[in-house]
N, C-alpha and C. Protein backbone atom coordinates (compact mmCIF):
# COMPACT_ATOMS: atom_id res chain seq x y z
N MET A 1 34.20 -11.72 93.69
CA MET A 1 33.28 -11.75 94.80
C MET A 1 32.37 -10.54 94.68
N ASP A 2 31.07 -10.74 94.76
CA ASP A 2 30.11 -9.65 94.68
C ASP A 2 29.95 -9.02 96.06
N THR A 3 30.36 -7.77 96.18
CA THR A 3 30.24 -7.07 97.46
C THR A 3 29.24 -5.92 97.37
N SER A 4 28.43 -5.88 96.34
CA SER A 4 27.55 -4.75 96.11
C SER A 4 26.50 -4.58 97.21
N GLU A 5 26.11 -5.66 97.91
CA GLU A 5 25.08 -5.54 98.94
C GLU A 5 25.63 -5.04 100.26
N TRP A 6 26.93 -4.85 100.38
CA TRP A 6 27.55 -4.45 101.64
C TRP A 6 27.98 -3.00 101.57
N THR A 7 27.56 -2.25 102.55
CA THR A 7 27.95 -0.85 102.61
C THR A 7 28.38 -0.53 104.04
N GLY A 8 28.94 0.64 104.23
CA GLY A 8 29.28 1.08 105.57
C GLY A 8 30.56 0.51 106.11
N GLY A 9 31.51 0.25 105.25
CA GLY A 9 32.78 -0.26 105.71
C GLY A 9 33.78 -0.31 104.58
N ALA A 10 34.96 -0.82 104.88
CA ALA A 10 36.01 -0.92 103.88
C ALA A 10 36.27 -2.38 103.53
N SER A 11 36.38 -2.67 102.25
CA SER A 11 36.68 -4.01 101.77
C SER A 11 38.05 -4.02 101.13
N TYR A 12 38.81 -5.05 101.42
CA TYR A 12 40.13 -5.24 100.85
C TYR A 12 40.18 -6.67 100.30
N GLU A 13 40.32 -6.80 99.00
CA GLU A 13 40.31 -8.12 98.38
C GLU A 13 41.68 -8.48 97.82
N TYR A 14 41.96 -9.76 97.85
CA TYR A 14 43.22 -10.32 97.33
C TYR A 14 44.43 -9.61 97.92
N VAL A 15 44.41 -9.44 99.23
CA VAL A 15 45.52 -8.81 99.94
C VAL A 15 46.59 -9.88 100.18
N PRO A 16 47.77 -9.74 99.57
CA PRO A 16 48.82 -10.73 99.83
C PRO A 16 49.37 -10.55 101.25
N TYR A 17 49.50 -11.66 101.96
CA TYR A 17 50.09 -11.58 103.30
C TYR A 17 51.47 -12.21 103.35
N SER A 18 51.87 -12.90 102.28
CA SER A 18 53.17 -13.54 102.21
C SER A 18 53.65 -13.54 100.76
N ASP A 19 54.96 -13.55 100.59
CA ASP A 19 55.54 -13.64 99.25
C ASP A 19 55.87 -15.07 98.84
N VAL A 20 55.54 -16.05 99.69
CA VAL A 20 55.91 -17.45 99.44
C VAL A 20 55.16 -18.03 98.26
N SER A 21 53.88 -17.68 98.10
CA SER A 21 53.05 -18.28 97.06
C SER A 21 51.96 -17.30 96.64
N GLY A 22 51.52 -17.42 95.42
CA GLY A 22 50.38 -16.66 94.95
C GLY A 22 49.10 -17.06 95.66
N SER A 23 49.11 -18.20 96.33
CA SER A 23 47.95 -18.66 97.10
C SER A 23 47.80 -17.92 98.43
N ASP A 24 48.84 -17.23 98.85
CA ASP A 24 48.84 -16.58 100.17
C ASP A 24 48.24 -15.17 100.09
N TYR A 25 46.90 -15.14 100.13
CA TYR A 25 46.19 -13.86 100.15
C TYR A 25 44.95 -14.00 101.02
N LEU A 26 44.34 -12.88 101.30
CA LEU A 26 43.13 -12.87 102.12
C LEU A 26 42.20 -11.78 101.64
N HIS A 27 40.95 -11.89 102.04
CA HIS A 27 39.95 -10.84 101.86
C HIS A 27 39.63 -10.32 103.26
N LEU A 28 39.43 -9.03 103.36
CA LEU A 28 39.20 -8.40 104.66
C LEU A 28 38.09 -7.38 104.54
N TYR A 29 37.21 -7.37 105.53
CA TYR A 29 36.16 -6.37 105.61
C TYR A 29 36.16 -5.78 107.01
N VAL A 30 36.14 -4.46 107.10
CA VAL A 30 36.10 -3.78 108.39
C VAL A 30 34.96 -2.75 108.32
N PRO A 31 33.90 -2.97 109.08
CA PRO A 31 32.79 -2.01 109.05
C PRO A 31 33.16 -0.70 109.71
N ASP A 32 32.42 0.33 109.38
CA ASP A 32 32.60 1.61 110.06
C ASP A 32 32.20 1.42 111.52
N ALA A 33 33.04 1.90 112.43
CA ALA A 33 32.75 1.78 113.85
C ALA A 33 33.51 2.86 114.61
N GLU A 34 32.98 3.21 115.76
CA GLU A 34 33.63 4.23 116.59
C GLU A 34 34.85 3.67 117.30
N GLU A 35 34.82 2.40 117.68
CA GLU A 35 35.92 1.75 118.38
C GLU A 35 36.41 0.56 117.56
N PRO A 36 37.70 0.27 117.62
CA PRO A 36 38.18 -0.95 116.95
C PRO A 36 37.47 -2.18 117.50
N MET A 37 37.04 -3.04 116.60
CA MET A 37 36.27 -4.21 117.00
C MET A 37 37.09 -5.49 116.85
N PRO A 38 36.59 -6.60 117.42
CA PRO A 38 37.28 -7.87 117.22
C PRO A 38 37.30 -8.25 115.74
N LEU A 39 38.23 -9.09 115.38
CA LEU A 39 38.35 -9.59 114.01
C LEU A 39 38.07 -11.08 114.00
N ILE A 40 37.16 -11.51 113.14
CA ILE A 40 36.89 -12.93 112.94
C ILE A 40 37.66 -13.36 111.71
N ILE A 41 38.52 -14.36 111.87
CA ILE A 41 39.35 -14.87 110.78
C ILE A 41 38.81 -16.23 110.36
N MET A 42 38.34 -16.35 109.13
CA MET A 42 37.79 -17.59 108.61
C MET A 42 38.85 -18.35 107.81
N VAL A 43 38.91 -19.68 108.04
CA VAL A 43 39.84 -20.55 107.31
C VAL A 43 39.00 -21.61 106.60
N HIS A 44 39.07 -21.64 105.28
CA HIS A 44 38.22 -22.53 104.48
C HIS A 44 38.63 -24.00 104.61
N GLY A 45 37.69 -24.85 104.32
CA GLY A 45 37.93 -26.29 104.27
C GLY A 45 38.16 -26.76 102.85
N GLY A 46 38.17 -28.07 102.68
CA GLY A 46 38.36 -28.65 101.35
C GLY A 46 39.31 -29.83 101.37
N GLY A 47 39.44 -30.47 102.52
CA GLY A 47 40.27 -31.67 102.61
C GLY A 47 41.74 -31.42 102.34
N PHE A 48 42.19 -30.19 102.48
CA PHE A 48 43.57 -29.78 102.24
C PHE A 48 43.95 -29.82 100.75
N VAL A 49 43.00 -30.18 99.87
CA VAL A 49 43.33 -30.35 98.45
C VAL A 49 42.45 -29.53 97.51
N CYS A 50 41.41 -28.88 98.02
CA CYS A 50 40.57 -28.09 97.12
C CYS A 50 39.96 -26.91 97.89
N ASN A 51 39.27 -26.07 97.17
CA ASN A 51 38.63 -24.86 97.67
C ASN A 51 39.63 -23.73 97.88
N ASP A 52 39.09 -22.59 98.18
CA ASP A 52 39.89 -21.41 98.49
C ASP A 52 39.05 -20.51 99.37
N CYS A 53 39.54 -19.32 99.65
CA CYS A 53 38.82 -18.45 100.59
C CYS A 53 37.52 -17.92 100.01
N GLU A 54 37.21 -18.27 98.78
CA GLU A 54 35.93 -17.90 98.19
C GLU A 54 35.00 -19.09 98.06
N SER A 55 35.32 -20.19 98.74
CA SER A 55 34.45 -21.36 98.70
C SER A 55 33.09 -21.00 99.29
N ARG A 56 32.11 -21.79 98.97
CA ARG A 56 30.74 -21.53 99.41
C ARG A 56 30.66 -21.41 100.94
N GLN A 57 31.27 -22.35 101.66
CA GLN A 57 31.19 -22.33 103.11
C GLN A 57 31.87 -21.11 103.70
N ALA A 58 33.07 -20.78 103.22
CA ALA A 58 33.80 -19.61 103.73
C ALA A 58 33.02 -18.34 103.44
N GLN A 59 32.46 -18.24 102.24
CA GLN A 59 31.71 -17.04 101.90
C GLN A 59 30.41 -16.92 102.68
N PHE A 60 29.77 -18.05 102.96
CA PHE A 60 28.55 -18.02 103.76
C PHE A 60 28.82 -17.38 105.12
N MET A 61 29.86 -17.85 105.79
CA MET A 61 30.17 -17.29 107.11
C MET A 61 30.69 -15.86 107.01
N TYR A 62 31.56 -15.62 106.02
CA TYR A 62 32.12 -14.28 105.82
C TYR A 62 30.99 -13.28 105.61
N ARG A 63 30.06 -13.61 104.75
CA ARG A 63 28.95 -12.69 104.47
C ARG A 63 28.04 -12.52 105.68
N TYR A 64 27.78 -13.61 106.38
CA TYR A 64 26.92 -13.51 107.57
C TYR A 64 27.51 -12.54 108.59
N PHE A 65 28.77 -12.76 108.95
CA PHE A 65 29.39 -11.89 109.95
C PHE A 65 29.51 -10.46 109.43
N ARG A 66 29.84 -10.32 108.20
CA ARG A 66 29.98 -9.00 107.59
C ARG A 66 28.65 -8.25 107.63
N GLN A 67 27.58 -8.93 107.26
CA GLN A 67 26.26 -8.29 107.25
C GLN A 67 25.77 -7.95 108.66
N HIS A 68 26.37 -8.57 109.67
CA HIS A 68 25.98 -8.29 111.05
C HIS A 68 26.98 -7.36 111.74
N GLY A 69 27.82 -6.71 110.96
CA GLY A 69 28.66 -5.65 111.48
C GLY A 69 29.98 -6.05 112.10
N TYR A 70 30.45 -7.25 111.81
CA TYR A 70 31.73 -7.70 112.36
C TYR A 70 32.87 -7.47 111.37
N ALA A 71 34.04 -7.17 111.88
CA ALA A 71 35.24 -7.17 111.05
C ALA A 71 35.59 -8.63 110.79
N CYS A 72 35.89 -8.97 109.56
CA CYS A 72 36.20 -10.36 109.26
C CYS A 72 37.17 -10.47 108.08
N ALA A 73 37.93 -11.55 108.14
CA ALA A 73 38.88 -11.87 107.08
C ALA A 73 38.66 -13.32 106.70
N THR A 74 38.88 -13.64 105.45
CA THR A 74 38.87 -15.03 105.01
C THR A 74 40.23 -15.28 104.35
N VAL A 75 40.89 -16.34 104.81
CA VAL A 75 42.29 -16.58 104.48
C VAL A 75 42.44 -17.71 103.47
N ASN A 76 43.21 -17.47 102.45
CA ASN A 76 43.59 -18.50 101.50
C ASN A 76 44.96 -19.03 101.90
N TYR A 77 45.26 -20.28 101.54
CA TYR A 77 46.54 -20.90 101.91
C TYR A 77 46.92 -21.92 100.85
N ARG A 78 48.17 -22.37 100.89
CA ARG A 78 48.64 -23.37 99.94
C ARG A 78 47.98 -24.71 100.22
N LEU A 79 47.47 -25.32 99.17
CA LEU A 79 46.88 -26.65 99.27
C LEU A 79 47.97 -27.72 99.21
N ALA A 80 47.61 -28.94 99.57
CA ALA A 80 48.59 -30.04 99.69
C ALA A 80 49.32 -30.32 98.39
N GLN A 81 48.67 -30.19 97.25
CA GLN A 81 49.35 -30.47 95.99
C GLN A 81 50.39 -29.40 95.64
N GLU A 82 50.28 -28.22 96.24
CA GLU A 82 51.30 -27.19 96.02
C GLU A 82 52.48 -27.38 96.97
N ASP A 83 52.18 -27.73 98.21
CA ASP A 83 53.23 -27.96 99.21
C ASP A 83 52.61 -28.73 100.37
N GLY A 84 53.33 -29.72 100.86
CA GLY A 84 52.81 -30.59 101.93
C GLY A 84 52.85 -29.94 103.30
N PHE A 85 52.41 -30.71 104.28
CA PHE A 85 52.42 -30.26 105.67
C PHE A 85 53.83 -29.89 106.07
N PRO A 86 54.01 -28.80 106.77
CA PRO A 86 53.05 -27.91 107.44
C PRO A 86 52.78 -26.61 106.69
N ALA A 87 52.92 -26.60 105.37
CA ALA A 87 52.81 -25.35 104.60
C ALA A 87 51.52 -24.59 104.89
N ALA A 88 50.37 -25.27 104.83
CA ALA A 88 49.09 -24.57 105.04
C ALA A 88 49.01 -23.97 106.44
N LEU A 89 49.47 -24.70 107.44
CA LEU A 89 49.47 -24.18 108.81
C LEU A 89 50.40 -22.98 108.94
N GLU A 90 51.57 -23.06 108.34
CA GLU A 90 52.49 -21.92 108.37
C GLU A 90 51.87 -20.71 107.69
N ASP A 91 51.14 -20.94 106.59
CA ASP A 91 50.46 -19.85 105.90
C ASP A 91 49.41 -19.20 106.79
N VAL A 92 48.58 -20.01 107.44
CA VAL A 92 47.52 -19.46 108.30
C VAL A 92 48.13 -18.65 109.44
N LYS A 93 49.18 -19.17 110.05
CA LYS A 93 49.81 -18.42 111.15
C LYS A 93 50.46 -17.13 110.64
N ALA A 94 51.02 -17.16 109.43
CA ALA A 94 51.57 -15.94 108.84
C ALA A 94 50.45 -14.92 108.59
N ALA A 95 49.29 -15.40 108.13
CA ALA A 95 48.15 -14.50 107.90
C ALA A 95 47.68 -13.86 109.20
N VAL A 96 47.62 -14.64 110.27
CA VAL A 96 47.20 -14.09 111.57
C VAL A 96 48.20 -13.02 112.03
N ARG A 97 49.48 -13.31 111.87
CA ARG A 97 50.50 -12.33 112.28
C ARG A 97 50.41 -11.08 111.41
N TYR A 98 50.20 -11.25 110.10
CA TYR A 98 50.04 -10.11 109.20
C TYR A 98 48.85 -9.25 109.64
N LEU A 99 47.73 -9.91 109.92
CA LEU A 99 46.53 -9.17 110.33
C LEU A 99 46.78 -8.41 111.64
N ARG A 100 47.48 -9.04 112.58
CA ARG A 100 47.77 -8.35 113.84
C ARG A 100 48.71 -7.16 113.60
N ALA A 101 49.75 -7.36 112.83
CA ALA A 101 50.72 -6.29 112.57
C ALA A 101 50.09 -5.09 111.86
N ASN A 102 49.01 -5.34 111.12
CA ASN A 102 48.37 -4.28 110.34
C ASN A 102 47.01 -3.85 110.89
N ALA A 103 46.73 -4.20 112.13
CA ALA A 103 45.42 -3.88 112.73
C ALA A 103 45.14 -2.39 112.76
N GLU A 104 46.12 -1.60 113.10
CA GLU A 104 45.90 -0.15 113.17
C GLU A 104 45.61 0.42 111.78
N THR A 105 46.31 -0.07 110.78
CA THR A 105 46.09 0.38 109.41
C THR A 105 44.67 0.10 108.95
N TYR A 106 44.17 -1.11 109.26
CA TYR A 106 42.85 -1.51 108.79
C TYR A 106 41.72 -1.13 109.75
N GLY A 107 42.00 -0.99 111.06
CA GLY A 107 41.00 -0.48 111.98
C GLY A 107 40.24 -1.50 112.82
N TYR A 108 40.85 -2.61 113.21
CA TYR A 108 40.22 -3.55 114.14
C TYR A 108 41.15 -3.75 115.33
N ASP A 109 40.68 -4.45 116.34
CA ASP A 109 41.41 -4.61 117.59
C ASP A 109 42.42 -5.76 117.50
N PRO A 110 43.72 -5.50 117.62
CA PRO A 110 44.72 -6.56 117.49
C PRO A 110 44.75 -7.52 118.67
N ASP A 111 44.05 -7.19 119.75
CA ASP A 111 44.04 -8.05 120.94
C ASP A 111 42.79 -8.91 121.02
N ARG A 112 41.90 -8.82 120.04
CA ARG A 112 40.67 -9.62 120.06
C ARG A 112 40.48 -10.29 118.70
N PHE A 113 41.19 -11.40 118.53
CA PHE A 113 41.11 -12.19 117.30
C PHE A 113 40.36 -13.48 117.58
N ILE A 114 39.44 -13.80 116.70
CA ILE A 114 38.70 -15.06 116.73
C ILE A 114 39.10 -15.79 115.45
N ILE A 115 39.46 -17.07 115.56
CA ILE A 115 39.75 -17.84 114.35
C ILE A 115 38.70 -18.94 114.23
N TRP A 116 38.13 -19.07 113.05
CA TRP A 116 37.06 -20.01 112.77
C TRP A 116 37.45 -20.80 111.53
N GLY A 117 37.32 -22.11 111.61
CA GLY A 117 37.62 -22.93 110.44
C GLY A 117 36.64 -24.07 110.32
N GLU A 118 36.42 -24.50 109.07
CA GLU A 118 35.53 -25.63 108.84
C GLU A 118 36.29 -26.72 108.09
N SER A 119 36.07 -27.96 108.53
CA SER A 119 36.70 -29.14 107.95
C SER A 119 38.22 -29.00 108.03
N ALA A 120 38.92 -29.05 106.90
CA ALA A 120 40.38 -28.89 106.93
C ALA A 120 40.74 -27.54 107.56
N GLY A 121 39.94 -26.54 107.30
CA GLY A 121 40.16 -25.23 107.91
C GLY A 121 39.98 -25.27 109.41
N GLY A 122 39.11 -26.16 109.90
CA GLY A 122 38.95 -26.34 111.34
C GLY A 122 40.22 -26.89 111.96
N TYR A 123 40.85 -27.84 111.26
CA TYR A 123 42.14 -28.36 111.74
C TYR A 123 43.18 -27.23 111.77
N LEU A 124 43.28 -26.48 110.68
CA LEU A 124 44.28 -25.41 110.59
C LEU A 124 44.01 -24.32 111.63
N ALA A 125 42.74 -23.96 111.83
CA ALA A 125 42.40 -22.96 112.84
C ALA A 125 42.76 -23.47 114.23
N THR A 126 42.46 -24.73 114.50
CA THR A 126 42.79 -25.30 115.81
C THR A 126 44.29 -25.31 116.05
N MET A 127 45.04 -25.78 115.07
CA MET A 127 46.49 -25.83 115.22
C MET A 127 47.08 -24.43 115.36
N ALA A 128 46.55 -23.47 114.62
CA ALA A 128 47.03 -22.09 114.75
C ALA A 128 46.75 -21.56 116.16
N ALA A 129 45.61 -21.95 116.72
CA ALA A 129 45.21 -21.45 118.03
C ALA A 129 45.96 -22.11 119.18
N VAL A 130 46.33 -23.38 119.04
CA VAL A 130 46.91 -24.10 120.18
C VAL A 130 48.43 -24.23 120.14
N THR A 131 49.06 -23.83 119.05
CA THR A 131 50.52 -23.92 118.98
C THR A 131 51.14 -22.60 119.44
N ASN A 132 52.37 -22.70 119.91
CA ASN A 132 53.10 -21.53 120.40
C ASN A 132 53.57 -20.66 119.24
N ASP A 133 53.96 -19.45 119.58
CA ASP A 133 54.45 -18.52 118.56
C ASP A 133 55.77 -18.95 117.94
N ASP A 134 56.49 -19.86 118.56
CA ASP A 134 57.76 -20.31 117.98
C ASP A 134 57.59 -21.60 117.17
N GLU A 135 56.36 -22.06 117.00
CA GLU A 135 56.08 -23.25 116.20
C GLU A 135 55.40 -22.86 114.89
N PHE A 136 55.76 -23.54 113.83
CA PHE A 136 55.14 -23.38 112.51
C PHE A 136 55.22 -21.92 112.03
N THR A 137 56.41 -21.36 112.11
CA THR A 137 56.63 -19.97 111.69
C THR A 137 57.56 -19.89 110.48
N GLY A 138 57.57 -20.93 109.66
CA GLY A 138 58.46 -20.97 108.51
C GLY A 138 58.10 -19.99 107.41
N VAL A 139 56.94 -19.38 107.47
CA VAL A 139 56.51 -18.41 106.46
C VAL A 139 56.47 -17.03 107.12
N SER A 140 57.22 -16.10 106.55
CA SER A 140 57.19 -14.71 107.02
C SER A 140 56.05 -13.98 106.35
N PHE A 141 55.45 -13.06 107.07
CA PHE A 141 54.42 -12.23 106.46
C PHE A 141 55.06 -11.00 105.85
N ILE A 142 54.39 -10.38 104.90
CA ILE A 142 54.90 -9.20 104.22
C ILE A 142 55.07 -8.07 105.25
N GLY A 143 56.27 -7.54 105.33
CA GLY A 143 56.59 -6.47 106.26
C GLY A 143 57.19 -6.95 107.57
N GLU A 144 57.24 -8.26 107.79
CA GLU A 144 57.73 -8.80 109.06
C GLU A 144 59.19 -8.43 109.31
N ASP A 145 60.00 -8.45 108.26
CA ASP A 145 61.44 -8.16 108.43
C ASP A 145 61.72 -6.70 108.78
N GLU A 146 60.73 -5.83 108.67
CA GLU A 146 60.91 -4.41 109.00
C GLU A 146 60.53 -4.08 110.45
N LEU A 147 60.03 -5.08 111.19
CA LEU A 147 59.57 -4.85 112.56
C LEU A 147 60.66 -5.15 113.57
N ALA A 148 60.68 -4.38 114.64
CA ALA A 148 61.68 -4.56 115.70
C ALA A 148 61.34 -5.73 116.61
N GLU A 149 60.06 -6.01 116.79
CA GLU A 149 59.60 -7.05 117.70
C GLU A 149 58.80 -8.11 116.93
N PRO A 150 58.85 -9.36 117.38
CA PRO A 150 58.02 -10.40 116.75
C PRO A 150 56.53 -10.11 116.97
N VAL A 151 55.72 -10.60 116.07
CA VAL A 151 54.27 -10.43 116.15
C VAL A 151 53.65 -11.79 116.46
N SER A 152 52.74 -11.82 117.40
CA SER A 152 52.11 -13.06 117.85
C SER A 152 51.02 -13.53 116.90
N ALA A 153 50.89 -14.84 116.78
CA ALA A 153 49.79 -15.46 116.04
C ALA A 153 48.71 -15.98 116.99
N GLN A 154 48.80 -15.64 118.28
CA GLN A 154 47.81 -16.12 119.25
C GLN A 154 46.46 -15.48 119.01
N VAL A 155 45.40 -16.22 119.31
CA VAL A 155 44.04 -15.74 119.14
C VAL A 155 43.30 -15.82 120.48
N SER A 156 42.22 -15.08 120.61
CA SER A 156 41.43 -15.07 121.83
C SER A 156 40.40 -16.18 121.87
N CYS A 157 39.96 -16.61 120.71
CA CYS A 157 38.86 -17.57 120.63
C CYS A 157 39.03 -18.45 119.40
N LEU A 158 38.66 -19.71 119.53
CA LEU A 158 38.72 -20.68 118.43
C LEU A 158 37.33 -21.27 118.23
N ILE A 159 36.92 -21.36 116.96
CA ILE A 159 35.71 -22.08 116.60
C ILE A 159 36.12 -23.11 115.56
N ASP A 160 36.04 -24.38 115.93
CA ASP A 160 36.38 -25.49 115.02
C ASP A 160 35.06 -26.12 114.57
N PHE A 161 34.71 -25.92 113.32
CA PHE A 161 33.47 -26.44 112.76
C PHE A 161 33.81 -27.71 111.98
N TYR A 162 33.60 -28.85 112.58
CA TYR A 162 33.84 -30.21 112.10
C TYR A 162 35.22 -30.42 111.48
N GLY A 163 36.23 -29.84 112.11
CA GLY A 163 37.60 -30.05 111.65
C GLY A 163 38.12 -31.41 112.07
N ILE A 164 38.89 -32.04 111.19
CA ILE A 164 39.51 -33.31 111.54
C ILE A 164 40.65 -33.03 112.51
N ILE A 165 40.68 -33.76 113.61
CA ILE A 165 41.70 -33.53 114.62
C ILE A 165 42.49 -34.81 114.90
N ASP A 166 41.82 -35.94 114.90
CA ASP A 166 42.43 -37.19 115.32
C ASP A 166 42.89 -38.00 114.11
N PHE A 167 43.95 -37.56 113.44
CA PHE A 167 44.42 -38.22 112.23
C PHE A 167 44.76 -39.69 112.40
N PRO A 168 45.36 -40.14 113.51
CA PRO A 168 45.70 -41.56 113.63
C PRO A 168 44.49 -42.50 113.50
N PHE A 169 43.30 -42.01 113.84
CA PHE A 169 42.12 -42.86 113.79
C PHE A 169 41.23 -42.59 112.58
N ALA A 170 41.64 -41.71 111.71
CA ALA A 170 40.80 -41.33 110.57
C ALA A 170 40.49 -42.53 109.68
N ASP A 171 41.48 -43.33 109.32
CA ASP A 171 41.25 -44.47 108.44
C ASP A 171 40.27 -45.47 109.05
N SER A 172 40.47 -45.81 110.33
CA SER A 172 39.57 -46.78 110.97
C SER A 172 38.17 -46.19 111.13
N ASP A 173 38.07 -44.90 111.39
CA ASP A 173 36.75 -44.26 111.48
C ASP A 173 36.02 -44.32 110.14
N PHE A 174 36.74 -44.02 109.04
CA PHE A 174 36.12 -44.10 107.72
C PHE A 174 35.67 -45.53 107.41
N ARG A 175 36.54 -46.51 107.71
CA ARG A 175 36.18 -47.93 107.45
C ARG A 175 34.96 -48.34 108.25
N SER A 176 34.90 -47.96 109.53
CA SER A 176 33.77 -48.36 110.38
C SER A 176 32.45 -47.74 109.89
N GLN A 177 32.54 -46.61 109.21
CA GLN A 177 31.34 -45.95 108.69
C GLN A 177 31.05 -46.36 107.26
N GLY A 178 31.89 -47.19 106.67
CA GLY A 178 31.68 -47.62 105.30
C GLY A 178 32.00 -46.56 104.27
N SER A 179 32.80 -45.57 104.65
CA SER A 179 33.14 -44.48 103.74
C SER A 179 34.42 -44.82 102.99
N PRO A 180 34.47 -44.49 101.70
CA PRO A 180 35.75 -44.67 100.97
C PRO A 180 36.78 -43.69 101.48
N ILE A 181 38.01 -44.09 101.52
CA ILE A 181 39.09 -43.24 102.02
C ILE A 181 39.62 -42.40 100.88
């Protein structure tokens, strides 16, 4: 990833948030600021079978927010061919918990998290935002076993950018639009 045009902050690339898979990493940018700021967490799309946190769409949003002075992370997760549902959702929730547990280290506000996802990432962001902390927690984040208290995956705000939500009707919707499944 070319970060040469960005200055005035700290960049952390390929940060592993879980030991479950080599796919479980994130990129994080935190601009210089006097006060800890909210963190925007981007979740890439790709139909659950392709792309990563460096996909064109994820990078477009990541760079936009970064260039406008926001702290932001883009999260990679296991795709369906590596492990089926709910692996990707468990990964995203582990990433959110990792980011919250390490907020002081990196310098953003652990109480102001925004999660944004597009397409498949929109589904994962939505599910991460609307499920309880005791759901989809099968993946531990790095350092979780050293903490005395559980860390929440709850977020303050959700942005779902054309994420698929209504799976039972997906096939009939595709057929009615003449799209191949």
